């Protein structure tokens, strides 16, 4: 039972990280129209998303 919960947590964390990166890249590209900034903000992931929400 504990192994199944561990697998579910790992899958959730992995999908959450990729979603945050994708969201950051989309927000960045639509705001700045730059692929370079989109990649950089994708690396920052949720940090950039939270910054964007607070700033704008």
Protein backbone atom coordinates (compact mmCIF):
# COMPACT_ATOMS: atom_id res chain seq x y z
CA UNK A 1 0.00 0.00 0.00
CA UNK A 2 2.78 2.42 0.91
CA UNK A 3 4.62 1.76 -2.38
CA UNK A 4 1.53 2.75 -4.39
CA UNK A 5 1.24 6.05 -2.52
CA UNK A 6 4.94 6.72 -3.09
CA UNK A 7 4.51 6.19 -6.86
CA UNK A 8 1.47 8.48 -6.96
CA UNK A 9 3.37 11.25 -5.15
CA UNK A 10 6.35 10.93 -7.52
CA UNK A 11 4.07 11.13 -10.59
CA UNK A 12 2.23 14.12 -9.19
CA UNK A 13 5.41 16.03 -8.42
CA UNK A 14 6.85 15.27 -11.85
CA UNK A 15 3.72 16.44 -13.70
CA UNK A 16 3.46 19.52 -11.49
CA UNK A 17 6.98 20.57 -12.34
CA UNK A 18 6.47 20.15 -16.08
CA UNK A 19 3.17 22.03 -15.95
CA UNK A 20 4.82 24.91 -14.11
CA UNK A 21 7.59 25.10 -16.69
CA UNK A 22 5.13 25.05 -19.57
CA UNK A 23 2.98 27.71 -17.94
CA UNK A 24 5.99 29.94 -17.28
CA UNK A 25 7.16 29.60 -20.89
CA UNK A 26 3.75 30.45 -22.33
CA UNK A 27 3.32 33.48 -20.07
CA UNK A 28 6.85 34.65 -20.87
CA UNK A 29 6.52 34.23 -24.63
CA UNK A 30 3.15 35.98 -24.83
CA UNK A 31 4.47 38.85 -22.70
CA UNK A 32 7.98 39.34 -24.14
CA UNK A 33 7.77 37.62 -27.58
CA UNK A 34 11.22 36.09 -27.06
CA UNK A 35 12.14 32.41 -27.19
CA UNK A 36 15.28 33.04 -25.12
CA UNK A 37 13.34 34.59 -22.26
CA UNK A 38 10.73 31.84 -22.51
CA UNK A 39 13.41 29.17 -22.05
CA UNK A 40 14.98 31.06 -19.15
CA UNK A 41 11.62 31.55 -17.44
CA UNK A 42 10.76 27.89 -18.08
CA UNK A 43 13.85 26.94 -16.09
CA UNK A 44 12.69 29.19 -13.25
CA UNK A 45 9.24 27.54 -13.53
CA UNK A 46 6.89 28.39 -10.66
CA UNK A 47 9.13 31.20 -9.42
CA UNK A 48 8.39 33.17 -12.59
CA UNK A 49 4.68 32.32 -12.52
CA UNK A 50 4.33 33.60 -8.96
CA UNK A 51 6.40 36.70 -9.81
CA UNK A 52 4.17 37.38 -12.82
CA UNK A 53 0.99 37.06 -10.74
CA UNK A 54 2.33 39.46 -8.09
CA UNK A 55 3.81 41.93 -10.57
CA UNK A 56 0.98 42.10 -13.12
